[in-house]
Full PDB file with SEQRES, HELIX, SHEET, SSBOND, CRYST1, ORIGX, SCALE, CONECT and MASTER records, all heavy atoms in Angstrom:
SEQRES   1 A   33  GLU LYS LEU LYS PHE LEU CYS PRO ALA PRO GLY TYR ASP          
SEQRES   2 A   33  ARG HIS PHE ALA ILE THR GLN SER PHE GLY PHE GLU MET          
SEQRES   3 A   33  ILE PRO VAL GLU MET ARG GLU                                  
HELIX    1 AA1 ASP A   13  SER A   21  1                                   9    
SHEET    1 AA1 2 LYS A   4  ALA A   9  0                                        
SHEET    2 AA1 2 GLU A  25  GLU A  30  1                                        
CRYST1    1.000    1.000    1.000  90.00  90.00  90.00 P 1           1          
ORIGX1      1.000000  0.000000  0.000000        0.00000                         
ORIGX2      0.000000  1.000000  0.000000        0.00000                         
ORIGX3      0.000000  0.000000  1.000000        0.00000                         
SCALE1      1.000000  0.000000  0.000000        0.00000                         
SCALE2      0.000000  1.000000  0.000000        0.00000                         
SCALE3      0.000000  0.000000  1.000000        0.00000                         
ATOM      1  N   GLU A   1      -0.299  17.301  -4.881  1.00  0.00           N  
ATOM      2  CA  GLU A   1      -1.698  17.077  -5.249  1.00  0.00           C  
ATOM      3  C   GLU A   1      -2.127  15.640  -5.056  1.00  0.00           C  
ATOM      4  O   GLU A   1      -3.244  15.334  -4.664  1.00  0.00           O  
ATOM      5  CB  GLU A   1      -1.898  17.490  -6.721  1.00  0.00           C  
ATOM      6  CG  GLU A   1      -3.337  17.417  -7.174  1.00  0.00           C  
ATOM      7  CD  GLU A   1      -3.507  17.937  -8.582  1.00  0.00           C  
ATOM      8  OE1 GLU A   1      -2.633  18.699  -9.049  1.00  0.00           O  
ATOM      9  OE2 GLU A   1      -4.529  17.583  -9.211  1.00  0.00           O  
ATOM     10  N   LYS A   2      -1.234  14.700  -5.348  1.00  0.00           N  
ATOM     11  CA  LYS A   2      -1.568  13.274  -5.294  1.00  0.00           C  
ATOM     12  C   LYS A   2      -0.437  12.508  -4.657  1.00  0.00           C  
ATOM     13  O   LYS A   2       0.744  12.780  -4.901  1.00  0.00           O  
ATOM     14  CB  LYS A   2      -1.789  12.751  -6.722  1.00  0.00           C  
ATOM     15  CG  LYS A   2      -2.261  11.315  -6.805  1.00  0.00           C  
ATOM     16  CD  LYS A   2      -3.717  11.177  -6.408  1.00  0.00           C  
ATOM     17  CE  LYS A   2      -4.196   9.734  -6.633  1.00  0.00           C  
ATOM     18  NZ  LYS A   2      -5.581   9.554  -6.182  1.00  0.00           N  
ATOM     19  N   LEU A   3      -0.765  11.558  -3.790  1.00  0.00           N  
ATOM     20  CA  LEU A   3       0.232  10.710  -3.153  1.00  0.00           C  
ATOM     21  C   LEU A   3      -0.106   9.240  -3.373  1.00  0.00           C  
ATOM     22  O   LEU A   3      -1.269   8.832  -3.213  1.00  0.00           O  
ATOM     23  CB  LEU A   3       0.259  10.994  -1.636  1.00  0.00           C  
ATOM     24  CG  LEU A   3       0.755  12.386  -1.206  1.00  0.00           C  
ATOM     25  CD1 LEU A   3       0.533  12.558   0.287  1.00  0.00           C  
ATOM     26  CD2 LEU A   3       2.215  12.590  -1.542  1.00  0.00           C  
ATOM     27  N   LYS A   4       0.909   8.450  -3.715  1.00  0.00           N  
ATOM     28  CA  LYS A   4       0.720   7.019  -3.934  1.00  0.00           C  
ATOM     29  C   LYS A   4       1.804   6.231  -3.223  1.00  0.00           C  
ATOM     30  O   LYS A   4       2.903   6.765  -2.957  1.00  0.00           O  
ATOM     31  CB  LYS A   4       0.777   6.710  -5.461  1.00  0.00           C  
ATOM     32  CG  LYS A   4      -0.219   7.464  -6.293  1.00  0.00           C  
ATOM     33  CD  LYS A   4      -0.057   7.156  -7.777  1.00  0.00           C  
ATOM     34  CE  LYS A   4      -0.998   7.966  -8.642  1.00  0.00           C  
ATOM     35  NZ  LYS A   4      -0.823   7.676 -10.090  1.00  0.00           N  
ATOM     36  N   PHE A   5       1.509   4.989  -2.897  1.00  0.00           N  
ATOM     37  CA  PHE A   5       2.455   4.144  -2.186  1.00  0.00           C  
ATOM     38  C   PHE A   5       2.352   2.721  -2.742  1.00  0.00           C  
ATOM     39  O   PHE A   5       1.246   2.228  -2.994  1.00  0.00           O  
ATOM     40  CB  PHE A   5       2.139   4.131  -0.675  1.00  0.00           C  
ATOM     41  CG  PHE A   5       3.349   4.180   0.194  1.00  0.00           C  
ATOM     42  CD1 PHE A   5       3.949   5.383   0.502  1.00  0.00           C  
ATOM     43  CD2 PHE A   5       3.895   3.006   0.731  1.00  0.00           C  
ATOM     44  CE1 PHE A   5       5.078   5.437   1.319  1.00  0.00           C  
ATOM     45  CE2 PHE A   5       5.009   3.064   1.553  1.00  0.00           C  
ATOM     46  CZ  PHE A   5       5.601   4.277   1.850  1.00  0.00           C  
ATOM     47  N   LEU A   6       3.496   2.080  -2.926  1.00  0.00           N  
ATOM     48  CA  LEU A   6       3.533   0.701  -3.422  1.00  0.00           C  
ATOM     49  C   LEU A   6       3.323  -0.280  -2.286  1.00  0.00           C  
ATOM     50  O   LEU A   6       3.976  -0.145  -1.218  1.00  0.00           O  
ATOM     51  CB  LEU A   6       4.834   0.412  -4.134  1.00  0.00           C  
ATOM     52  CG  LEU A   6       5.155   1.267  -5.359  1.00  0.00           C  
ATOM     53  CD1 LEU A   6       6.490   0.857  -5.972  1.00  0.00           C  
ATOM     54  CD2 LEU A   6       4.053   1.203  -6.394  1.00  0.00           C  
ATOM     55  N   CYS A   7       2.478  -1.267  -2.489  1.00  0.00           N  
ATOM     56  CA  CYS A   7       2.111  -2.217  -1.444  1.00  0.00           C  
ATOM     57  C   CYS A   7       2.258  -3.643  -1.945  1.00  0.00           C  
ATOM     58  O   CYS A   7       1.308  -4.214  -2.537  1.00  0.00           O  
ATOM     59  CB  CYS A   7       0.693  -1.984  -0.984  1.00  0.00           C  
ATOM     60  SG  CYS A   7       0.368  -0.332  -0.321  1.00  0.00           S  
ATOM     61  N   PRO A   8       3.445  -4.266  -1.786  1.00  0.00           N  
ATOM     62  CA  PRO A   8       3.558  -5.672  -2.132  1.00  0.00           C  
ATOM     63  C   PRO A   8       2.475  -6.479  -1.410  1.00  0.00           C  
ATOM     64  O   PRO A   8       2.299  -6.375  -0.213  1.00  0.00           O  
ATOM     65  CB  PRO A   8       4.968  -6.048  -1.643  1.00  0.00           C  
ATOM     66  CG  PRO A   8       5.722  -4.748  -1.715  1.00  0.00           C  
ATOM     67  CD  PRO A   8       4.719  -3.702  -1.318  1.00  0.00           C  
ATOM     68  N   ALA A   9       1.762  -7.316  -2.188  1.00  0.00           N  
ATOM     69  CA  ALA A   9       0.628  -8.035  -1.637  1.00  0.00           C  
ATOM     70  C   ALA A   9       0.573  -9.470  -2.172  1.00  0.00           C  
ATOM     71  O   ALA A   9       0.917  -9.699  -3.325  1.00  0.00           O  
ATOM     72  CB  ALA A   9      -0.682  -7.303  -1.978  1.00  0.00           C  
ATOM     73  N   PRO A  10       0.187 -10.424  -1.290  1.00  0.00           N  
ATOM     74  CA  PRO A  10      -0.267 -10.242   0.083  1.00  0.00           C  
ATOM     75  C   PRO A  10       0.819  -9.576   0.966  1.00  0.00           C  
ATOM     76  O   PRO A  10       2.003  -9.825   0.772  1.00  0.00           O  
ATOM     77  CB  PRO A  10      -0.559 -11.656   0.569  1.00  0.00           C  
ATOM     78  CG  PRO A  10      -0.764 -12.460  -0.691  1.00  0.00           C  
ATOM     79  CD  PRO A  10       0.157 -11.843  -1.689  1.00  0.00           C  
ATOM     80  N   GLY A  11       0.337  -8.810   1.948  1.00  0.00           N  
ATOM     81  CA  GLY A  11       1.259  -8.102   2.815  1.00  0.00           C  
ATOM     82  C   GLY A  11       0.631  -7.851   4.168  1.00  0.00           C  
ATOM     83  O   GLY A  11      -0.370  -8.461   4.545  1.00  0.00           O  
ATOM     84  N   TYR A  12       1.250  -6.922   4.919  1.00  0.00           N  
ATOM     85  CA  TYR A  12       0.872  -6.648   6.311  1.00  0.00           C  
ATOM     86  C   TYR A  12      -0.225  -5.612   6.358  1.00  0.00           C  
ATOM     87  O   TYR A  12      -0.052  -4.477   5.910  1.00  0.00           O  
ATOM     88  CB  TYR A  12       2.128  -6.194   7.053  1.00  0.00           C  
ATOM     89  CG  TYR A  12       1.937  -5.916   8.538  1.00  0.00           C  
ATOM     90  CD1 TYR A  12       1.014  -6.579   9.321  1.00  0.00           C  
ATOM     91  CD2 TYR A  12       2.762  -4.982   9.147  1.00  0.00           C  
ATOM     92  CE1 TYR A  12       0.882  -6.332  10.660  1.00  0.00           C  
ATOM     93  CE2 TYR A  12       2.646  -4.709  10.515  1.00  0.00           C  
ATOM     94  CZ  TYR A  12       1.706  -5.400  11.288  1.00  0.00           C  
ATOM     95  OH  TYR A  12       1.585  -5.130  12.616  1.00  0.00           O  
ATOM     96  N   ASP A  13      -1.353  -5.972   6.907  1.00  0.00           N  
ATOM     97  CA  ASP A  13      -2.542  -5.102   6.913  1.00  0.00           C  
ATOM     98  C   ASP A  13      -2.300  -3.783   7.639  1.00  0.00           C  
ATOM     99  O   ASP A  13      -2.834  -2.722   7.223  1.00  0.00           O  
ATOM    100  CB  ASP A  13      -3.742  -5.808   7.504  1.00  0.00           C  
ATOM    101  CG  ASP A  13      -3.504  -6.419   8.889  1.00  0.00           C  
ATOM    102  OD1 ASP A  13      -2.347  -6.718   9.238  1.00  0.00           O  
ATOM    103  OD2 ASP A  13      -4.497  -6.604   9.638  1.00  0.00           O  
ATOM    104  N   ARG A  14      -1.478  -3.777   8.671  1.00  0.00           N  
ATOM    105  CA  ARG A  14      -1.281  -2.534   9.440  1.00  0.00           C  
ATOM    106  C   ARG A  14      -0.406  -1.537   8.634  1.00  0.00           C  
ATOM    107  O   ARG A  14      -0.569  -0.341   8.804  1.00  0.00           O  
ATOM    108  CB  ARG A  14      -0.640  -2.838  10.783  1.00  0.00           C  
ATOM    109  CG  ARG A  14      -1.586  -3.634  11.719  1.00  0.00           C  
ATOM    110  CD  ARG A  14      -1.008  -3.712  13.124  1.00  0.00           C  
ATOM    111  NE  ARG A  14      -1.805  -4.548  13.994  1.00  0.00           N  
ATOM    112  CZ  ARG A  14      -2.854  -4.137  14.720  1.00  0.00           C  
ATOM    113  NH1 ARG A  14      -3.244  -2.878  14.616  1.00  0.00           N  
ATOM    114  NH2 ARG A  14      -3.512  -4.966  15.498  1.00  0.00           N  
ATOM    115  N   HIS A  15       0.474  -2.028   7.807  1.00  0.00           N  
ATOM    116  CA  HIS A  15       1.176  -1.132   6.884  1.00  0.00           C  
ATOM    117  C   HIS A  15       0.171  -0.398   6.000  1.00  0.00           C  
ATOM    118  O   HIS A  15       0.211   0.842   5.876  1.00  0.00           O  
ATOM    119  CB  HIS A  15       2.127  -1.934   5.985  1.00  0.00           C  
ATOM    120  CG  HIS A  15       3.358  -2.389   6.618  1.00  0.00           C  
ATOM    121  ND1 HIS A  15       4.195  -3.349   6.086  1.00  0.00           N  
ATOM    122  CD2 HIS A  15       3.966  -2.044   7.806  1.00  0.00           C  
ATOM    123  CE1 HIS A  15       5.211  -3.563   6.872  1.00  0.00           C  
ATOM    124  NE2 HIS A  15       5.114  -2.791   7.945  1.00  0.00           N  
ATOM    125  N   PHE A  16      -0.694  -1.168   5.374  1.00  0.00           N  
ATOM    126  CA  PHE A  16      -1.627  -0.597   4.444  1.00  0.00           C  
ATOM    127  C   PHE A  16      -2.574   0.401   5.139  1.00  0.00           C  
ATOM    128  O   PHE A  16      -2.948   1.444   4.587  1.00  0.00           O  
ATOM    129  CB  PHE A  16      -2.453  -1.693   3.768  1.00  0.00           C  
ATOM    130  CG  PHE A  16      -1.631  -2.759   3.097  1.00  0.00           C  
ATOM    131  CD1 PHE A  16      -2.101  -4.030   2.930  1.00  0.00           C  
ATOM    132  CD2 PHE A  16      -0.354  -2.470   2.602  1.00  0.00           C  
ATOM    133  CE1 PHE A  16      -1.361  -5.017   2.319  1.00  0.00           C  
ATOM    134  CE2 PHE A  16       0.414  -3.447   1.974  1.00  0.00           C  
ATOM    135  CZ  PHE A  16      -0.103  -4.721   1.840  1.00  0.00           C  
ATOM    136  N   ALA A  17      -2.919   0.095   6.390  1.00  0.00           N  
ATOM    137  CA  ALA A  17      -3.819   0.989   7.130  1.00  0.00           C  
ATOM    138  C   ALA A  17      -3.181   2.330   7.396  1.00  0.00           C  
ATOM    139  O   ALA A  17      -3.886   3.370   7.393  1.00  0.00           O  
ATOM    140  CB  ALA A  17      -4.225   0.329   8.458  1.00  0.00           C  
ATOM    141  N   ILE A  18      -1.873   2.367   7.595  1.00  0.00           N  
ATOM    142  CA  ILE A  18      -1.185   3.645   7.834  1.00  0.00           C  
ATOM    143  C   ILE A  18      -1.306   4.539   6.589  1.00  0.00           C  
ATOM    144  O   ILE A  18      -1.745   5.688   6.687  1.00  0.00           O  
ATOM    145  CB  ILE A  18       0.296   3.433   8.199  1.00  0.00           C  
ATOM    146  CG1 ILE A  18       0.432   2.754   9.563  1.00  0.00           C  
ATOM    147  CG2 ILE A  18       1.015   4.780   8.218  1.00  0.00           C  
ATOM    148  CD1 ILE A  18       1.858   2.364   9.921  1.00  0.00           C  
ATOM    149  N   THR A  19      -0.914   4.011   5.432  1.00  0.00           N  
ATOM    150  CA  THR A  19      -0.956   4.851   4.238  1.00  0.00           C  
ATOM    151  C   THR A  19      -2.400   5.168   3.846  1.00  0.00           C  
ATOM    152  O   THR A  19      -2.683   6.265   3.329  1.00  0.00           O  
ATOM    153  CB  THR A  19      -0.204   4.188   3.075  1.00  0.00           C  
ATOM    154  OG1 THR A  19      -0.325   2.759   3.163  1.00  0.00           O  
ATOM    155  CG2 THR A  19       1.266   4.502   3.117  1.00  0.00           C  
ATOM    156  N   GLN A  20      -3.323   4.248   4.097  1.00  0.00           N  
ATOM    157  CA  GLN A  20      -4.724   4.573   3.841  1.00  0.00           C  
ATOM    158  C   GLN A  20      -5.214   5.737   4.681  1.00  0.00           C  
ATOM    159  O   GLN A  20      -5.927   6.627   4.194  1.00  0.00           O  
ATOM    160  CB  GLN A  20      -5.596   3.324   4.122  1.00  0.00           C  
ATOM    161  CG  GLN A  20      -7.067   3.556   3.854  1.00  0.00           C  
ATOM    162  CD  GLN A  20      -7.913   2.329   4.205  1.00  0.00           C  
ATOM    163  OE1 GLN A  20      -7.401   1.245   4.515  1.00  0.00           O  
ATOM    164  NE2 GLN A  20      -9.227   2.468   4.169  1.00  0.00           N  
ATOM    165  N   SER A  21      -4.785   5.762   5.953  1.00  0.00           N  
ATOM    166  CA  SER A  21      -5.257   6.813   6.842  1.00  0.00           C  
ATOM    167  C   SER A  21      -4.766   8.201   6.457  1.00  0.00           C  
ATOM    168  O   SER A  21      -5.407   9.209   6.805  1.00  0.00           O  
ATOM    169  CB  SER A  21      -4.826   6.501   8.298  1.00  0.00           C  
ATOM    170  OG  SER A  21      -3.431   6.639   8.463  1.00  0.00           O  
ATOM    171  N   PHE A  22      -3.663   8.277   5.695  1.00  0.00           N  
ATOM    172  CA  PHE A  22      -3.145   9.559   5.226  1.00  0.00           C  
ATOM    173  C   PHE A  22      -3.607   9.871   3.810  1.00  0.00           C  
ATOM    174  O   PHE A  22      -3.179  10.861   3.210  1.00  0.00           O  
ATOM    175  CB  PHE A  22      -1.627   9.583   5.308  1.00  0.00           C  
ATOM    176  CG  PHE A  22      -1.077   9.839   6.684  1.00  0.00           C  
ATOM    177  CD1 PHE A  22      -0.871   8.801   7.568  1.00  0.00           C  
ATOM    178  CD2 PHE A  22      -0.860  11.146   7.136  1.00  0.00           C  
ATOM    179  CE1 PHE A  22      -0.398   9.023   8.849  1.00  0.00           C  
ATOM    180  CE2 PHE A  22      -0.406  11.385   8.421  1.00  0.00           C  
ATOM    181  CZ  PHE A  22      -0.181  10.325   9.283  1.00  0.00           C  
ATOM    182  N   GLY A  23      -4.489   9.057   3.254  1.00  0.00           N  
ATOM    183  CA  GLY A  23      -5.074   9.363   1.962  1.00  0.00           C  
ATOM    184  C   GLY A  23      -4.266   8.946   0.753  1.00  0.00           C  
ATOM    185  O   GLY A  23      -4.520   9.388  -0.349  1.00  0.00           O  
ATOM    186  N   PHE A  24      -3.261   8.081   0.925  1.00  0.00           N  
ATOM    187  CA  PHE A  24      -2.479   7.597  -0.217  1.00  0.00           C  
ATOM    188  C   PHE A  24      -3.316   6.690  -1.085  1.00  0.00           C  
ATOM    189  O   PHE A  24      -4.108   5.910  -0.587  1.00  0.00           O  
ATOM    190  CB  PHE A  24      -1.249   6.832   0.259  1.00  0.00           C  
ATOM    191  CG  PHE A  24      -0.142   7.635   0.820  1.00  0.00           C  
ATOM    192  CD1 PHE A  24      -0.183   8.147   2.129  1.00  0.00           C  
ATOM    193  CD2 PHE A  24       0.997   7.911   0.094  1.00  0.00           C  
ATOM    194  CE1 PHE A  24       0.841   8.872   2.642  1.00  0.00           C  
ATOM    195  CE2 PHE A  24       2.045   8.652   0.592  1.00  0.00           C  
ATOM    196  CZ  PHE A  24       1.961   9.152   1.886  1.00  0.00           C  
ATOM    197  N   GLU A  25      -3.106   6.777  -2.385  1.00  0.00           N  
ATOM    198  CA  GLU A  25      -3.561   5.729  -3.278  1.00  0.00           C  
ATOM    199  C   GLU A  25      -2.577   4.582  -3.172  1.00  0.00           C  
ATOM    200  O   GLU A  25      -1.369   4.772  -3.372  1.00  0.00           O  
ATOM    201  CB  GLU A  25      -3.635   6.216  -4.715  1.00  0.00           C  
ATOM    202  CG  GLU A  25      -4.027   5.125  -5.688  1.00  0.00           C  
ATOM    203  CD  GLU A  25      -3.953   5.551  -7.147  1.00  0.00           C  
ATOM    204  OE1 GLU A  25      -4.040   6.774  -7.411  1.00  0.00           O  
ATOM    205  OE2 GLU A  25      -3.732   4.687  -8.019  1.00  0.00           O  
ATOM    206  N   MET A  26      -3.046   3.408  -2.845  1.00  0.00           N  
ATOM    207  CA  MET A  26      -2.186   2.272  -2.630  1.00  0.00           C  
ATOM    208  C   MET A  26      -2.192   1.361  -3.871  1.00  0.00           C  
ATOM    209  O   MET A  26      -3.257   0.978  -4.352  1.00  0.00           O  
ATOM    210  CB  MET A  26      -2.616   1.489  -1.390  1.00  0.00           C  
ATOM    211  CG  MET A  26      -2.419   2.313  -0.115  1.00  0.00           C  
ATOM    212  SD  MET A  26      -2.952   1.433   1.358  1.00  0.00           S  
ATOM    213  CE  MET A  26      -4.735   1.431   1.162  1.00  0.00           C  
ATOM    214  N   ILE A  27      -1.013   1.032  -4.348  1.00  0.00           N  
ATOM    215  CA  ILE A  27      -0.844   0.286  -5.572  1.00  0.00           C  
ATOM    216  C   ILE A  27      -0.350  -1.125  -5.226  1.00  0.00           C  
ATOM    217  O   ILE A  27       0.822  -1.259  -4.815  1.00  0.00           O  
ATOM    218  CB  ILE A  27       0.133   0.961  -6.545  1.00  0.00           C  
ATOM    219  CG1 ILE A  27      -0.331   2.393  -6.847  1.00  0.00           C  
ATOM    220  CG2 ILE A  27       0.275   0.175  -7.826  1.00  0.00           C  
ATOM    221  CD1 ILE A  27       0.680   3.218  -7.630  1.00  0.00           C  
ATOM    222  N   PRO A  28      -1.171  -2.152  -5.371  1.00  0.00           N  
ATOM    223  CA  PRO A  28      -0.694  -3.519  -5.077  1.00  0.00           C  
ATOM    224  C   PRO A  28       0.369  -3.950  -6.074  1.00  0.00           C  
ATOM    225  O   PRO A  28       0.274  -3.648  -7.274  1.00  0.00           O  
ATOM    226  CB  PRO A  28      -1.959  -4.374  -5.216  1.00  0.00           C  
ATOM    227  CG  PRO A  28      -3.106  -3.419  -5.212  1.00  0.00           C  
ATOM    228  CD  PRO A  28      -2.601  -2.127  -5.772  1.00  0.00           C  
ATOM    229  N   VAL A  29       1.367  -4.650  -5.584  1.00  0.00           N  
ATOM    230  CA  VAL A  29       2.409  -5.225  -6.401  1.00  0.00           C  
ATOM    231  C   VAL A  29       2.521  -6.711  -6.052  1.00  0.00           C  
ATOM    232  O   VAL A  29       2.615  -7.059  -4.863  1.00  0.00           O  
ATOM    233  CB  VAL A  29       3.775  -4.535  -6.187  1.00  0.00           C  
ATOM    234  CG1 VAL A  29       4.870  -5.202  -7.028  1.00  0.00           C  
ATOM    235  CG2 VAL A  29       3.690  -3.059  -6.517  1.00  0.00           C  
ATOM    236  N   GLU A  30       2.508  -7.557  -7.036  1.00  0.00           N  
ATOM    237  CA  GLU A  30       2.534  -8.998  -6.785  1.00  0.00           C  
ATOM    238  C   GLU A  30       3.838  -9.442  -6.145  1.00  0.00           C  
ATOM    239  O   GLU A  30       4.905  -8.971  -6.521  1.00  0.00           O  
ATOM    240  CB  GLU A  30       2.320  -9.753  -8.092  1.00  0.00           C  
ATOM    241  CG  GLU A  30       2.305 -11.257  -7.929  1.00  0.00           C  
ATOM    242  CD  GLU A  30       2.167 -11.999  -9.262  1.00  0.00           C  
ATOM    243  OE1 GLU A  30       2.059 -11.332 -10.311  1.00  0.00           O  
ATOM    244  OE2 GLU A  30       2.157 -13.238  -9.245  1.00  0.00           O  
ATOM    245  N   MET A  31       3.741 -10.302  -5.163  1.00  0.00           N  
ATOM    246  CA  MET A  31       4.914 -10.899  -4.543  1.00  0.00           C  
ATOM    247  C   MET A  31       5.305 -12.153  -5.338  1.00  0.00           C  
ATOM    248  O   MET A  31       4.435 -12.978  -5.706  1.00  0.00           O  
ATOM    249  CB  MET A  31       4.620 -11.267  -3.093  1.00  0.00           C  
ATOM    250  CG  MET A  31       4.608 -10.075  -2.146  1.00  0.00           C  
ATOM    251  SD  MET A  31       6.260  -9.356  -1.892  1.00  0.00           S  
ATOM    252  CE  MET A  31       6.989 -10.572  -0.788  1.00  0.00           C  
ATOM    253  N   ARG A  32       6.582 -12.308  -5.582  1.00  0.00           N  
ATOM    254  CA  ARG A  32       7.112 -13.493  -6.223  1.00  0.00           C  
ATOM    255  C   ARG A  32       7.989 -14.255  -5.241  1.00  0.00           C  
ATOM    256  O   ARG A  32       8.103 -13.870  -4.094  1.00  0.00           O  
ATOM    257  CB  ARG A  32       7.885 -13.111  -7.488  1.00  0.00           C  
ATOM    258  CG  ARG A  32       6.985 -12.417  -8.522  1.00  0.00           C  
ATOM    259  CD  ARG A  32       7.664 -12.134  -9.808  1.00  0.00           C  
ATOM    260  NE  ARG A  32       6.683 -11.713 -10.817  1.00  0.00           N  
ATOM    261  CZ  ARG A  32       7.010 -11.333 -12.046  1.00  0.00           C  
ATOM    262  NH1 ARG A  32       8.282 -11.340 -12.442  1.00  0.00           N  
ATOM    263  NH2 ARG A  32       6.064 -10.970 -12.904  1.00  0.00           N  
ATOM    264  N   GLU A  33       8.624 -15.326  -5.693  1.00  0.00           N  
ATOM    265  CA  GLU A  33       9.395 -16.188  -4.787  1.00  0.00           C  
ATOM    266  C   GLU A  33      10.601 -15.496  -4.184  1.00  0.00           C  
ATOM    267  O   GLU A  33      11.080 -15.908  -3.135  1.00  0.00           O  
ATOM    268  CB  GLU A  33       9.806 -17.475  -5.489  1.00  0.00           C  
ATOM    269  CG  GLU A  33       8.642 -18.400  -5.788  1.00  0.00           C  
ATOM    270  CD  GLU A  33       9.102 -19.709  -6.419  1.00  0.00           C  
ATOM    271  OE1 GLU A  33      10.328 -19.881  -6.586  1.00  0.00           O  
ATOM    272  OE2 GLU A  33       8.235 -20.561  -6.662  1.00  0.00           O  
TER     273      GLU A  33                                                      
MASTER        0    0    0    1    2    0    0    6  272    1    0    3          
END                                                                             
């Protein structure tokens, strides 16, 4: 029913575009050192 994907951000825009195109809810995760 629902699909989600973790997206460390800032990150690669083309990664995010792939999961966006399949309708995933994208969850930003903060990048640390």
